[in-house]
Amino acid sequence: MSTKLTLTIDESVIKQAKAYAQNQGRSLSAIVENYLKAVTNQEASATNEEERSPIVKSLRGAFKLPADYDYKM
């Protein structure tokens, strides 16, 4: 069930956020909802593929470390 929420946000931030949402082909409400889900349920969003943003999904596996890489150095 969806519920309406009223937020007070600086007008310039709203304009930028609306432009971002339009460029992503998503609604601003969907972006805000996804963000709130992520910050309130970080453990679930880290393990649930559907909760990851498209950018994060596209980066997965993009970088491979050498087998002998020592991260402690």
C-alpha atoms as a PDB file:
ATOM      1  CA  MET A   1       0.000   0.000   0.000  1.00  0.00           C
ATOM      2  CA  SER A   2       1.382   3.380  -0.972  1.00  0.00           C
ATOM      3  CA  THR A   3       1.031   6.358   1.341  1.00  0.00           C
ATOM      4  CA  LYS A   4       1.599  10.003   0.496  1.00  0.00           C
ATOM      5  CA  LEU A   5       4.518  11.744   2.244  1.00  0.00           C
ATOM      6  CA  THR A   6       5.223  15.475   2.352  1.00  0.00           C
ATOM      7  CA  LEU A   7       8.867  16.568   2.520  1.00  0.00           C
ATOM      8  CA  THR A   8      10.415  20.007   2.754  1.00  0.00           C
ATOM      9  CA  ILE A   9      13.476  20.128   0.502  1.00  0.00           C
ATOM     10  CA  ASP A  10      15.424  22.999  -1.042  1.00  0.00           C
ATOM     11  CA  GLU A  11      13.978  23.910  -4.446  1.00  0.00           C
ATOM     12  CA  SER A  12      17.314  23.564  -6.263  1.00  0.00           C
ATOM     13  CA  VAL A  13      17.727  20.036  -4.885  1.00  0.00           C
ATOM     14  CA  ILE A  14      14.230  19.131  -6.078  1.00  0.00           C
ATOM     15  CA  LYS A  15      14.972  20.430  -9.584  1.00  0.00           C
ATOM     16  CA  GLN A  16      18.192  18.426  -9.768  1.00  0.00           C
ATOM     17  CA  ALA A  17      16.517  15.324  -8.373  1.00  0.00           C
ATOM     18  CA  LYS A  18      13.656  15.554 -10.894  1.00  0.00           C
ATOM     19  CA  ALA A  19      16.147  15.917 -13.746  1.00  0.00           C
ATOM     20  CA  TYR A  20      18.113  12.928 -12.447  1.00  0.00           C
ATOM     21  CA  ALA A  21      14.958  10.826 -12.173  1.00  0.00           C
ATOM     22  CA  GLN A  22      13.907  11.739 -15.697  1.00  0.00           C
ATOM     23  CA  ASN A  23      17.364  10.834 -17.059  1.00  0.00           C
ATOM     24  CA  GLN A  24      17.127   7.480 -15.276  1.00  0.00           C
ATOM     25  CA  GLY A  25      13.645   6.835 -16.647  1.00  0.00           C
ATOM     26  CA  ARG A  26      12.257   6.514 -13.121  1.00  0.00           C
ATOM     27  CA  SER A  27       9.939   8.531 -10.955  1.00  0.00           C
ATOM     28  CA  LEU A  28      11.354  10.647  -8.166  1.00  0.00           C
ATOM     29  CA  SER A  29       9.071   8.773  -5.756  1.00  0.00           C
ATOM     30  CA  ALA A  30      10.590   5.456  -6.817  1.00  0.00           C
ATOM     31  CA  ILE A  31      14.113   6.792  -6.324  1.00  0.00           C
ATOM     32  CA  VAL A  32      13.311   8.173  -2.866  1.00  0.00           C
ATOM     33  CA  GLU A  33      11.545   4.948  -1.879  1.00  0.00           C
ATOM     34  CA  ASN A  34      14.498   2.833  -3.013  1.00  0.00           C
ATOM     35  CA  TYR A  35      16.910   5.076  -1.098  1.00  0.00           C
ATOM     36  CA  LEU A  36      14.837   4.867   2.074  1.00  0.00           C
ATOM     37  CA  LYS A  37      14.659   1.092   1.772  1.00  0.00           C
ATOM     38  CA  ALA A  38      18.434   0.953   1.398  1.00  0.00           C
ATOM     39  CA  VAL A  39      19.224   3.116   4.411  1.00  0.00           C
ATOM     40  CA  THR A  40      16.676   1.444   6.689  1.00  0.00           C
ATOM     41  CA  ASN A  41      17.490  -2.115   5.710  1.00  0.00           C
ATOM     42  CA  GLN A  42      21.135  -2.116   4.652  1.00  0.00           C
ATOM     43  CA  GLU A  43      21.704  -5.806   5.334  1.00  0.00           C
ATOM     44  CA  ALA A  44      18.764  -6.928   3.195  1.00  0.00           C
ATOM     45  CA  SER A  45      19.608  -4.527   0.371  1.00  0.00           C
ATOM     46  CA  ALA A  46      23.198  -5.796   0.301  1.00  0.00           C
ATOM     47  CA  THR A  47      22.051  -9.378  -0.180  1.00  0.00           C
ATOM     48  CA  ASN A  48      18.999  -8.780  -2.362  1.00  0.00           C
ATOM     49  CA  GLU A  49      19.917  -8.253  -6.033  1.00  0.00           C
ATOM     50  CA  GLU A  50      16.672  -6.366  -6.735  1.00  0.00           C
ATOM     51  CA  GLU A  51      17.547  -3.646  -4.216  1.00  0.00           C
ATOM     52  CA  ARG A  52      20.819  -2.710  -5.913  1.00  0.00           C
ATOM     53  CA  SER A  53      20.810   0.279  -8.214  1.00  0.00           C
ATOM     54  CA  PRO A  54      21.394  -0.301 -11.935  1.00  0.00           C
ATOM     55  CA  ILE A  55      24.791   1.398 -11.655  1.00  0.00           C
ATOM     56  CA  VAL A  56      25.925  -0.948  -8.891  1.00  0.00           C
ATOM     57  CA  LYS A  57      24.608  -3.953 -10.821  1.00  0.00           C
ATOM     58  CA  SER A  58      26.540  -2.880 -13.923  1.00  0.00           C
ATOM     59  CA  LEU A  59      29.801  -2.594 -11.968  1.00  0.00           C
ATOM     60  CA  ARG A  60      29.562  -6.054 -10.413  1.00  0.00           C
ATOM     61  CA  GLY A  61      32.417  -8.200 -11.682  1.00  0.00           C
ATOM     62  CA  ALA A  62      33.893  -5.357 -13.751  1.00  0.00           C
ATOM     63  CA  PHE A  63      37.210  -5.444 -11.902  1.00  0.00           C
ATOM     64  CA  LYS A  64      39.277  -8.565 -11.271  1.00  0.00           C
ATOM     65  CA  LEU A  65      42.223  -8.627  -8.888  1.00  0.00           C
ATOM     66  CA  PRO A  66      45.230 -10.809  -9.635  1.00  0.00           C
ATOM     67  CA  ALA A  67      45.136 -14.160  -7.803  1.00  0.00           C
ATOM     68  CA  ASP A  68      48.275 -13.223  -5.844  1.00  0.00           C
ATOM     69  CA  TYR A  69      47.035  -9.740  -4.812  1.00  0.00           C
ATOM     70  CA  ASP A  70      47.797  -8.942  -1.162  1.00  0.00           C
ATOM     71  CA  TYR A  71      45.284  -6.380   0.089  1.00  0.00           C
ATOM     72  CA  LYS A  72      47.271  -5.959   3.346  1.00  0.00           C
ATOM     73  CA  MET A  73      50.220  -4.295   1.627  1.00  0.00           C
END
